[in-house]
PDB file of N, CA and C in Angstrom:
ATOM      1  N   MET A   1      62.335 -14.957 -47.647  1.00  0.00           N
ATOM      2  CA  MET A   1      61.267 -14.022 -47.319  1.00  0.00           C
ATOM      3  C   MET A   1      60.704 -14.364 -45.938  1.00  0.00           C
ATOM      4  N   GLN A   2      60.383 -13.348 -45.166  1.00  0.00           N
ATOM      5  CA  GLN A   2      59.911 -13.560 -43.805  1.00  0.00           C
ATOM      6  C   GLN A   2      58.389 -13.530 -43.734  1.00  0.00           C
ATOM      7  N   LYS A   3      57.850 -14.294 -42.784  1.00  0.00           N
ATOM      8  CA  LYS A   3      56.402 -14.324 -42.599  1.00  0.00           C
ATOM      9  C   LYS A   3      55.907 -13.097 -41.848  1.00  0.00           C
ATOM     10  N   ILE A   4      56.724 -12.583 -40.925  1.00  0.00           N
ATOM     11  CA  ILE A   4      56.375 -11.380 -40.166  1.00  0.00           C
ATOM     12  C   ILE A   4      57.345 -10.274 -40.570  1.00  0.00           C
ATOM     13  N   LYS A   5      56.797  -9.098 -40.899  1.00  0.00           N
ATOM     14  CA  LYS A   5      57.622  -7.970 -41.326  1.00  0.00           C
ATOM     15  C   LYS A   5      57.324  -6.757 -40.456  1.00  0.00           C
ATOM     16  N   ARG A   6      58.183  -5.743 -40.579  1.00  0.00           N
ATOM     17  CA  ARG A   6      57.988  -4.497 -39.838  1.00  0.00           C
ATOM     18  C   ARG A   6      56.648  -3.852 -40.226  1.00  0.00           C
ATOM     19  N   ASP A   7      55.993  -3.221 -39.268  1.00  0.00           N
ATOM     20  CA  ASP A   7      54.698  -2.528 -39.429  1.00  0.00           C
ATOM     21  C   ASP A   7      53.519  -3.479 -39.581  1.00  0.00           C
ATOM     22  N   ASP A   8      53.718  -4.797 -39.468  1.00  0.00           N
ATOM     23  CA  ASP A   8      52.599  -5.743 -39.451  1.00  0.00           C
ATOM     24  C   ASP A   8      51.884  -5.641 -38.115  1.00  0.00           C
ATOM     25  N   LEU A   9      50.580  -5.911 -38.109  1.00  0.00           N
ATOM     26  CA  LEU A   9      49.815  -6.002 -36.868  1.00  0.00           C
ATOM     27  C   LEU A   9      49.828  -7.470 -36.453  1.00  0.00           C
ATOM     28  N   VAL A  10      50.281  -7.732 -35.216  1.00  0.00           N
ATOM     29  CA  VAL A  10      50.380  -9.110 -34.753  1.00  0.00           C
ATOM     30  C   VAL A  10      49.710  -9.271 -33.399  1.00  0.00           C
ATOM     31  N   LYS A  11      49.362 -10.528 -33.086  1.00  0.00           N
ATOM     32  CA  LYS A  11      48.783 -10.888 -31.796  1.00  0.00           C
ATOM     33  C   LYS A  11      49.715 -11.894 -31.130  1.00  0.00           C
ATOM     34  N   VAL A  12      49.980 -11.690 -29.830  1.00  0.00           N
ATOM     35  CA  VAL A  12      50.848 -12.604 -29.092  1.00  0.00           C
ATOM     36  C   VAL A  12      50.032 -13.837 -28.724  1.00  0.00           C
ATOM     37  N   ILE A  13      50.571 -15.029 -29.029  1.00  0.00           N
ATOM     38  CA  ILE A  13      49.824 -16.268 -28.793  1.00  0.00           C
ATOM     39  C   ILE A  13      50.405 -17.105 -27.665  1.00  0.00           C
ATOM     40  N   ALA A  14      51.532 -16.654 -27.080  1.00  0.00           N
ATOM     41  CA  ALA A  14      52.139 -17.408 -25.977  1.00  0.00           C
ATOM     42  C   ALA A  14      52.934 -16.465 -25.089  1.00  0.00           C
ATOM     43  N   GLY A  15      53.035 -16.808 -23.811  1.00  0.00           N
ATOM     44  CA  GLY A  15      53.850 -16.033 -22.882  1.00  0.00           C
ATOM     45  C   GLY A  15      53.020 -15.149 -21.976  1.00  0.00           C
ATOM     46  N   LYS A  16      53.709 -14.289 -21.236  1.00  0.00           N
ATOM     47  CA  LYS A  16      53.039 -13.470 -20.224  1.00  0.00           C
ATOM     48  C   LYS A  16      52.104 -12.427 -20.827  1.00  0.00           C
ATOM     49  N   ASP A  17      52.338 -12.032 -22.066  1.00  0.00           N
ATOM     50  CA  ASP A  17      51.502 -11.027 -22.725  1.00  0.00           C
ATOM     51  C   ASP A  17      50.548 -11.635 -23.741  1.00  0.00           C
ATOM     52  N   LYS A  18      50.140 -12.884 -23.515  1.00  0.00           N
ATOM     53  CA  LYS A  18      49.241 -13.587 -24.430  1.00  0.00           C
ATOM     54  C   LYS A  18      47.975 -12.762 -24.677  1.00  0.00           C
ATOM     55  N   ASP A  19      47.501 -12.756 -25.930  1.00  0.00           N
ATOM     56  CA  ASP A  19      46.289 -12.073 -26.401  1.00  0.00           C
ATOM     57  C   ASP A  19      46.456 -10.564 -26.584  1.00  0.00           C
ATOM     58  N   LYS A  20      47.636 -10.008 -26.355  1.00  0.00           N
ATOM     59  CA  LYS A  20      47.861  -8.591 -26.642  1.00  0.00           C
ATOM     60  C   LYS A  20      48.190  -8.442 -28.120  1.00  0.00           C
ATOM     61  N   THR A  21      47.779  -7.311 -28.695  1.00  0.00           N
ATOM     62  CA  THR A  21      48.101  -7.045 -30.094  1.00  0.00           C
ATOM     63  C   THR A  21      48.944  -5.784 -30.176  1.00  0.00           C
ATOM     64  N   GLY A  22      49.717  -5.674 -31.239  1.00  0.00           N
ATOM     65  CA  GLY A  22      50.541  -4.493 -31.430  1.00  0.00           C
ATOM     66  C   GLY A  22      51.226  -4.519 -32.780  1.00  0.00           C
ATOM     67  N   LYS A  23      51.864  -3.389 -33.092  1.00  0.00           N
ATOM     68  CA  LYS A  23      52.555  -3.241 -34.361  1.00  0.00           C
ATOM     69  C   LYS A  23      54.010  -3.676 -34.188  1.00  0.00           C
ATOM     70  N   VAL A  24      54.541  -4.368 -35.181  1.00  0.00           N
ATOM     71  CA  VAL A  24      55.924  -4.824 -35.140  1.00  0.00           C
ATOM     72  C   VAL A  24      56.842  -3.626 -35.413  1.00  0.00           C
ATOM     73  N   LEU A  25      57.771  -3.379 -34.486  1.00  0.00           N
ATOM     74  CA  LEU A  25      58.718  -2.283 -34.641  1.00  0.00           C
ATOM     75  C   LEU A  25      59.991  -2.733 -35.350  1.00  0.00           C
ATOM     76  N   ARG A  26      60.477  -3.946 -35.000  1.00  0.00           N
ATOM     77  CA  ARG A  26      61.703  -4.462 -35.608  1.00  0.00           C
ATOM     78  C   ARG A  26      61.655  -5.973 -35.706  1.00  0.00           C
ATOM     79  N   VAL A  27      62.326  -6.524 -36.720  1.00  0.00           N
ATOM     80  CA  VAL A  27      62.471  -7.968 -36.883  1.00  0.00           C
ATOM     81  C   VAL A  27      63.948  -8.253 -37.113  1.00  0.00           C
ATOM     82  N   LYS A  28      64.508  -9.201 -36.323  1.00  0.00           N
ATOM     83  CA  LYS A  28      65.914  -9.549 -36.510  1.00  0.00           C
ATOM     84  C   LYS A  28      66.175 -10.935 -35.940  1.00  0.00           C
ATOM     85  N   ASP A  29      66.793 -11.800 -36.734  1.00  0.00           N
ATOM     86  CA  ASP A  29      67.220 -13.133 -36.305  1.00  0.00           C
ATOM     87  C   ASP A  29      66.098 -13.956 -35.671  1.00  0.00           C
ATOM     88  N   GLY A  30      64.911 -13.944 -36.264  1.00  0.00           N
ATOM     89  CA  GLY A  30      63.808 -14.745 -35.745  1.00  0.00           C
ATOM     90  C   GLY A  30      63.156 -14.164 -34.496  1.00  0.00           C
ATOM     91  N   LYS A  31      63.505 -12.939 -34.147  1.00  0.00           N
ATOM     92  CA  LYS A  31      62.909 -12.255 -32.995  1.00  0.00           C
ATOM     93  C   LYS A  31      62.165 -11.024 -33.494  1.00  0.00           C
ATOM     94  N   VAL A  32      61.095 -10.663 -32.794  1.00  0.00           N
ATOM     95  CA  VAL A  32      60.337  -9.461 -33.146  1.00  0.00           C
ATOM     96  C   VAL A  32      60.180  -8.583 -31.912  1.00  0.00           C
ATOM     97  N   ILE A  33      60.172  -7.269 -32.128  1.00  0.00           N
ATOM     98  CA  ILE A  33      59.877  -6.325 -31.060  1.00  0.00           C
ATOM     99  C   ILE A  33      58.529  -5.715 -31.399  1.00  0.00           C
ATOM    100  N   VAL A  34      57.551  -5.920 -30.490  1.00  0.00           N
ATOM    101  CA  VAL A  34      56.183  -5.478 -30.719  1.00  0.00           C
ATOM    102  C   VAL A  34      55.885  -4.307 -29.787  1.00  0.00           C
ATOM    103  N   GLU A  35      55.250  -3.277 -30.345  1.00  0.00           N
ATOM    104  CA  GLU A  35      54.934  -2.059 -29.605  1.00  0.00           C
ATOM    105  C   GLU A  35      54.055  -2.354 -28.390  1.00  0.00           C
ATOM    106  N   GLY A  36      54.535  -1.988 -27.199  1.00  0.00           N
ATOM    107  CA  GLY A  36      53.753  -2.124 -25.974  1.00  0.00           C
ATOM    108  C   GLY A  36      53.645  -3.534 -25.419  1.00  0.00           C
ATOM    109  N   VAL A  37      54.421  -4.475 -25.948  1.00  0.00           N
ATOM    110  CA  VAL A  37      54.356  -5.872 -25.513  1.00  0.00           C
ATOM    111  C   VAL A  37      55.719  -6.303 -24.976  1.00  0.00           C
ATOM    112  N   ASN A  38      55.723  -7.165 -23.958  1.00  0.00           N
ATOM    113  CA  ASN A  38      56.940  -7.684 -23.333  1.00  0.00           C
ATOM    114  C   ASN A  38      57.802  -6.545 -22.791  1.00  0.00           C
ATOM    115  N   MET A  39      57.170  -5.656 -22.017  1.00  0.00           N
ATOM    116  CA  MET A  39      57.864  -4.507 -21.447  1.00  0.00           C
ATOM    117  C   MET A  39      58.794  -4.949 -20.322  1.00  0.00           C
ATOM    118  N   VAL A  40      60.013  -4.411 -20.333  1.00  0.00           N
ATOM    119  CA  VAL A  40      60.989  -4.695 -19.284  1.00  0.00           C
ATOM    120  C   VAL A  40      61.484  -3.371 -18.709  1.00  0.00           C
ATOM    121  N   THR A  41      61.963  -3.425 -17.482  1.00  0.00           N
ATOM    122  CA  THR A  41      62.493  -2.249 -16.808  1.00  0.00           C
ATOM    123  C   THR A  41      64.011  -2.267 -16.910  1.00  0.00           C
ATOM    124  N   LYS A  42      64.571  -1.169 -17.399  1.00  0.00           N
ATOM    125  CA  LYS A  42      66.027  -1.059 -17.519  1.00  0.00           C
ATOM    126  C   LYS A  42      66.493   0.163 -16.744  1.00  0.00           C
ATOM    127  N   HIS A  43      67.670   0.059 -16.184  1.00  0.00           N
ATOM    128  CA  HIS A  43      68.272   1.190 -15.477  1.00  0.00           C
ATOM    129  C   HIS A  43      69.205   1.895 -16.446  1.00  0.00           C
ATOM    130  N   ALA A  44      68.864   3.141 -16.806  1.00  0.00           N
ATOM    131  CA  ALA A  44      69.633   3.882 -17.803  1.00  0.00           C
ATOM    132  C   ALA A  44      70.549   4.887 -17.118  1.00  0.00           C
ATOM    133  N   LYS A  45      71.806   4.874 -17.527  1.00  0.00           N
ATOM    134  CA  LYS A  45      72.772   5.821 -17.016  1.00  0.00           C
ATOM    135  C   LYS A  45      72.529   7.183 -17.665  1.00  0.00           C
ATOM    136  N   GLN A  46      72.897   8.253 -16.993  1.00  0.00           N
ATOM    137  CA  GLN A  46      72.745   9.578 -17.581  1.00  0.00           C
ATOM    138  C   GLN A  46      73.639   9.703 -18.810  1.00  0.00           C
ATOM    139  N   SER A  47      73.098  10.326 -19.859  1.00  0.00           N
ATOM    140  CA  SER A  47      73.867  10.561 -21.072  1.00  0.00           C
ATOM    141  C   SER A  47      73.324  11.811 -21.733  1.00  0.00           C
ATOM    142  N   GLN A  48      73.928  12.208 -22.838  1.00  0.00           N
ATOM    143  CA  GLN A  48      73.439  13.405 -23.530  1.00  0.00           C
ATOM    144  C   GLN A  48      72.050  13.183 -24.097  1.00  0.00           C
ATOM    145  N   SER A  49      71.794  11.973 -24.607  1.00  0.00           N
ATOM    146  CA  SER A  49      70.473  11.683 -25.164  1.00  0.00           C
ATOM    147  C   SER A  49      69.448  11.468 -24.062  1.00  0.00           C
ATOM    148  N   ASN A  50      69.899  11.053 -22.866  1.00  0.00           N
ATOM    149  CA  ASN A  50      69.002  10.823 -21.738  1.00  0.00           C
ATOM    150  C   ASN A  50      69.591  11.530 -20.510  1.00  0.00           C
ATOM    151  N   PRO A  51      69.430  12.880 -20.417  1.00  0.00           N
ATOM    152  CA  PRO A  51      70.078  13.632 -19.339  1.00  0.00           C
ATOM    153  C   PRO A  51      69.556  13.295 -17.938  1.00  0.00           C
ATOM    154  N   GLN A  52      68.342  12.814 -17.851  1.00  0.00           N
ATOM    155  CA  GLN A  52      67.753  12.487 -16.557  1.00  0.00           C
ATOM    156  C   GLN A  52      68.265  11.151 -16.015  1.00  0.00           C
ATOM    157  N   GLY A  53      68.439  10.159 -16.911  1.00  0.00           N
ATOM    158  CA  GLY A  53      68.816   8.824 -16.460  1.00  0.00           C
ATOM    159  C   GLY A  53      67.637   8.173 -15.749  1.00  0.00           C
ATOM    160  N   GLY A  54      67.894   7.162 -14.918  1.00  0.00           N
ATOM    161  CA  GLY A  54      66.837   6.549 -14.117  1.00  0.00           C
ATOM    162  C   GLY A  54      66.316   5.264 -14.711  1.00  0.00           C
ATOM    163  N   ILE A  55      65.105   4.902 -14.286  1.00  0.00           N
ATOM    164  CA  ILE A  55      64.493   3.634 -14.689  1.00  0.00           C
ATOM    165  C   ILE A  55      63.629   3.864 -15.925  1.00  0.00           C
ATOM    166  N   VAL A  56      63.847   3.046 -16.949  1.00  0.00           N
ATOM    167  CA  VAL A  56      63.166   3.214 -18.241  1.00  0.00           C
ATOM    168  C   VAL A  56      62.430   1.932 -18.594  1.00  0.00           C
ATOM    169  N   GLN A  57      61.195   2.060 -19.067  1.00  0.00           N
ATOM    170  CA  GLN A  57      60.414   0.913 -19.565  1.00  0.00           C
ATOM    171  C   GLN A  57      60.663   0.800 -21.069  1.00  0.00           C
ATOM    172  N   THR A  58      61.005  -0.399 -21.532  1.00  0.00           N
ATOM    173  CA  THR A  58      61.260  -0.599 -22.958  1.00  0.00           C
ATOM    174  C   THR A  58      60.777  -1.978 -23.393  1.00  0.00           C
ATOM    175  N   GLU A  59      60.570  -2.154 -24.702  1.00  0.00           N
ATOM    176  CA  GLU A  59      60.119  -3.439 -25.234  1.00  0.00           C
ATOM    177  C   GLU A  59      61.305  -4.376 -25.412  1.00  0.00           C
ATOM    178  N   ALA A  60      61.115  -5.624 -25.021  1.00  0.00           N
ATOM    179  CA  ALA A  60      62.140  -6.653 -25.230  1.00  0.00           C
ATOM    180  C   ALA A  60      61.698  -7.545 -26.389  1.00  0.00           C
ATOM    181  N   PRO A  61      62.659  -8.199 -27.056  1.00  0.00           N
ATOM    182  CA  PRO A  61      62.305  -9.057 -28.195  1.00  0.00           C
ATOM    183  C   PRO A  61      61.507 -10.298 -27.778  1.00  0.00           C
ATOM    184  N   LEU A  62      60.603 -10.716 -28.656  1.00  0.00           N
ATOM    185  CA  LEU A  62      59.855 -11.968 -28.511  1.00  0.00           C
ATOM    186  C   LEU A  62      60.281 -12.875 -29.663  1.00  0.00           C
ATOM    187  N   ASP A  63      60.156 -14.165 -29.477  1.00  0.00           N
ATOM    188  CA  ASP A  63      60.410 -15.067 -30.590  1.00  0.00           C
ATOM    189  C   ASP A  63      59.279 -14.930 -31.610  1.00  0.00           C
ATOM    190  N   ALA A  64      59.616 -14.948 -32.888  1.00  0.00           N
ATOM    191  CA  ALA A  64      58.616 -14.772 -33.943  1.00  0.00           C
ATOM    192  C   ALA A  64      57.550 -15.873 -33.926  1.00  0.00           C
ATOM    193  N   SER A  65      57.893 -17.047 -33.366  1.00  0.00           N
ATOM    194  CA  SER A  65      56.922 -18.144 -33.306  1.00  0.00           C
ATOM    195  C   SER A  65      55.823 -17.877 -32.279  1.00  0.00           C
ATOM    196  N   ASN A  66      56.027 -16.894 -31.405  1.00  0.00           N
ATOM    197  CA  ASN A  66      55.035 -16.577 -30.375  1.00  0.00           C
ATOM    198  C   ASN A  66      54.073 -15.471 -30.785  1.00  0.00           C
ATOM    199  N   VAL A  67      54.149 -15.020 -32.028  1.00  0.00           N
ATOM    200  CA  VAL A  67      53.201 -14.025 -32.524  1.00  0.00           C
ATOM    201  C   VAL A  67      52.538 -14.550 -33.793  1.00  0.00           C
ATOM    202  N   MET A  68      51.322 -14.046 -34.043  1.00  0.00           N
ATOM    203  CA  MET A  68      50.558 -14.472 -35.212  1.00  0.00           C
ATOM    204  C   MET A  68      50.029 -13.226 -35.921  1.00  0.00           C
ATOM    205  N   LEU A  69      50.103 -13.227 -37.227  1.00  0.00           N
ATOM    206  CA  LEU A  69      49.686 -12.081 -38.028  1.00  0.00           C
ATOM    207  C   LEU A  69      48.180 -11.872 -37.931  1.00  0.00           C
ATOM    208  N   VAL A  70      47.759 -10.590 -37.853  1.00  0.00           N
ATOM    209  CA  VAL A  70      46.338 -10.246 -37.839  1.00  0.00           C
ATOM    210  C   VAL A  70      45.995  -9.591 -39.174  1.00  0.00           C
ATOM    211  N   VAL A  71      45.041 -10.187 -39.901  1.00  0.00           N
ATOM    212  CA  VAL A  71      44.573  -9.643 -41.180  1.00  0.00           C
ATOM    213  C   VAL A  71      43.064  -9.478 -41.078  1.00  0.00           C
ATOM    214  N   ASP A  72      42.576  -8.269 -41.291  1.00  0.00           N
ATOM    215  CA  ASP A  72      41.138  -7.952 -41.203  1.00  0.00           C
ATOM    216  C   ASP A  72      40.562  -8.350 -39.845  1.00  0.00           C
ATOM    217  N   GLY A  73      41.309  -8.129 -38.775  1.00  0.00           N
ATOM    218  CA  GLY A  73      40.833  -8.413 -37.428  1.00  0.00           C
ATOM    219  C   GLY A  73      40.836  -9.880 -37.043  1.00  0.00           C
ATOM    220  N   LYS A  74      41.439 -10.733 -37.878  1.00  0.00           N
ATOM    221  CA  LYS A  74      41.435 -12.169 -37.652  1.00  0.00           C
ATOM    222  C   LYS A  74      42.869 -12.692 -37.696  1.00  0.00           C
ATOM    223  N   THR A  75      43.259 -13.507 -36.690  1.00  0.00           N
ATOM    224  CA  THR A  75      44.612 -14.072 -36.714  1.00  0.00           C
ATOM    225  C   THR A  75      44.688 -15.146 -37.792  1.00  0.00           C
ATOM    226  N   THR A  76      45.844 -15.224 -38.430  1.00  0.00           N
ATOM    227  CA  THR A  76      45.997 -16.164 -39.530  1.00  0.00           C
ATOM    228  C   THR A  76      47.439 -16.625 -39.655  1.00  0.00           C
ATOM    229  N   ARG A  77      47.593 -17.825 -40.174  1.00  0.00           N
ATOM    230  CA  ARG A  77      48.923 -18.287 -40.555  1.00  0.00           C
ATOM    231  C   ARG A  77      49.278 -17.650 -41.893  1.00  0.00           C
ATOM    232  N   VAL A  78      50.559 -17.724 -42.242  1.00  0.00           N
ATOM    233  CA  VAL A  78      51.029 -17.071 -43.460  1.00  0.00           C
ATOM    234  C   VAL A  78      51.598 -18.113 -44.411  1.00  0.00           C
ATOM    235  N   GLY A  79      51.189 -18.012 -45.667  1.00  0.00           N
ATOM    236  CA  GLY A  79      51.736 -18.870 -46.712  1.00  0.00           C
ATOM    237  C   GLY A  79      52.313 -18.003 -47.812  1.00  0.00           C
ATOM    238  N   PHE A  80      52.902 -18.640 -48.800  1.00  0.00           N
ATOM    239  CA  PHE A  80      53.500 -17.909 -49.917  1.00  0.00           C
ATOM    240  C   PHE A  80      52.970 -18.448 -51.235  1.00  0.00           C
ATOM    241  N   GLU A  81      52.757 -17.537 -52.195  1.00  0.00           N
ATOM    242  CA  GLU A  81      52.322 -17.906 -53.542  1.00  0.00           C
ATOM    243  C   GLU A  81      53.076 -17.054 -54.550  1.00  0.00           C
ATOM    244  N   MET A  82      53.109 -17.525 -55.764  1.00  0.00           N
ATOM    245  CA  MET A  82      53.704 -16.747 -56.846  1.00  0.00           C
ATOM    246  C   MET A  82      52.583 -16.017 -57.590  1.00  0.00           C
ATOM    247  N   LYS A  83      52.660 -14.701 -57.645  1.00  0.00           N
ATOM    248  CA  LYS A  83      51.694 -13.870 -58.381  1.00  0.00           C
ATOM    249  C   LYS A  83      52.470 -12.975 -59.334  1.00  0.00           C
ATOM    250  N   ASP A  84      52.209 -13.101 -60.604  1.00  0.00           N
ATOM    251  CA  ASP A  84      52.880 -12.304 -61.637  1.00  0.00           C
ATOM    252  C   ASP A  84      54.401 -12.373 -61.522  1.00  0.00           C
ATOM    253  N   GLY A  85      54.923 -13.565 -61.232  1.00  0.00           N
ATOM    254  CA  GLY A  85      56.364 -13.745 -61.138  1.00  0.00           C
ATOM    255  C   GLY A  85      56.974 -13.253 -59.840  1.00  0.00           C
ATOM    256  N   LYS A  86      56.142 -12.826 -58.890  1.00  0.00           N
ATOM    257  CA  LYS A  86      56.638 -12.360 -57.597  1.00  0.00           C
ATOM    258  C   LYS A  86      56.119 -13.267 -56.495  1.00  0.00           C
ATOM    259  N   LYS A  87      56.951 -13.484 -55.501  1.00  0.00           N
ATOM    260  CA  LYS A  87      56.553 -14.276 -54.341  1.00  0.00           C
ATOM    261  C   LYS A  87      55.863 -13.335 -53.349  1.00  0.00           C
ATOM    262  N   VAL A  88      54.597 -13.637 -52.993  1.00  0.00           N
ATOM    263  CA  VAL A  88      53.836 -12.779 -52.094  1.00  0.00           C
ATOM    264  C   VAL A  88      53.333 -13.571 -50.896  1.00  0.00           C
ATOM    265  N   ARG A  89      53.112 -12.863 -49.792  1.00  0.00           N
ATOM    266  CA  ARG A  89      52.548 -13.499 -48.596  1.00  0.00           C
ATOM    267  C   ARG A  89      51.034 -13.598 -48.751  1.00  0.00           C
ATOM    268  N   VAL A  90      50.474 -14.713 -48.287  1.00  0.00           N
ATOM    269  CA  VAL A  90      49.038 -14.954 -48.397  1.00  0.00           C
ATOM    270  C   VAL A  90      48.505 -15.397 -47.037  1.00  0.00           C
ATOM    271  N   ALA A  91      47.361 -14.822 -46.633  1.00  0.00           N
ATOM    272  CA  ALA A  91      46.724 -15.218 -45.385  1.00  0.00           C
ATOM    273  C   ALA A  91      46.051 -16.573 -45.590  1.00  0.00           C
ATOM    274  N   LYS A  92      46.395 -17.551 -44.767  1.00  0.00           N
ATOM    275  CA  LYS A  92      45.827 -18.897 -44.911  1.00  0.00           C
ATOM    276  C   LYS A  92      44.334 -18.912 -44.600  1.00  0.00           C
ATOM    277  N   ALA A  93      43.892 -18.063 -43.649  1.00  0.00           N
ATOM    278  CA  ALA A  93      42.491 -18.066 -43.223  1.00  0.00           C
ATOM    279  C   ALA A  93      41.564 -17.563 -44.327  1.00  0.00           C
ATOM    280  N   THR A  94      41.994 -16.556 -45.062  1.00  0.00           N
ATOM    281  CA  THR A  94      41.116 -15.935 -46.056  1.00  0.00           C
ATOM    282  C   THR A  94      41.581 -16.136 -47.492  1.00  0.00           C
ATOM    283  N   GLY A  95      42.850 -16.474 -47.680  1.00  0.00           N
ATOM    284  CA  GLY A  95      43.389 -16.594 -49.023  1.00  0.00           C
ATOM    285  C   GLY A  95      43.750 -15.265 -49.638  1.00  0.00           C
ATOM    286  N   LYS A  96      43.679 -14.198 -48.843  1.00  0.00           N
ATOM    287  CA  LYS A  96      43.928 -12.835 -49.317  1.00  0.00           C
ATOM    288  C   LYS A  96      45.434 -12.557 -49.386  1.00  0.00           C
ATOM    289  N   VAL A  97      45.858 -11.849 -50.425  1.00  0.00           N
ATOM    290  CA  VAL A  97      47.260 -11.462 -50.560  1.00  0.00           C
ATOM    291  C   VAL A  97      47.536 -10.325 -49.576  1.00  0.00           C
ATOM    292  N   ILE A  98      48.602 -10.476 -48.781  1.00  0.00           N
ATOM    293  CA  ILE A  98      48.907  -9.489 -47.732  1.00  0.00           C
ATOM    294  C   ILE A  98      49.677  -8.302 -48.283  1.00  0.00           C
ATOM    295  N   ASP A  99      50.719  -8.591 -49.118  1.00  0.00           N
ATOM    296  CA  ASP A  99      51.498  -7.464 -49.636  1.00  0.00           C
ATOM    297  C   ASP A  99      51.825  -7.638 -51.107  1.00  0.00           C
TER     298      ASP A  99
END
């Protein structure tokens, strides 16, 4: 089970975009893509999906260790507990069950 999942609200705690918050768009192999964070410029060739081509701004992956989950407006570490036979994520700061 992963500590950070898609659609979670996270805050960046390290790097050039430190203190920015955003929604997680994708999680893969210990990397996360956060909406509006770690923007990079790419040169896109013309294609049917992109008839104009040109320079495109897009989000690049961040390491999952550089983001922290935000629960009730407060950053928190994530722990796991067993509730009713299911493993659930728990906010360490508040003890609240996340999902």
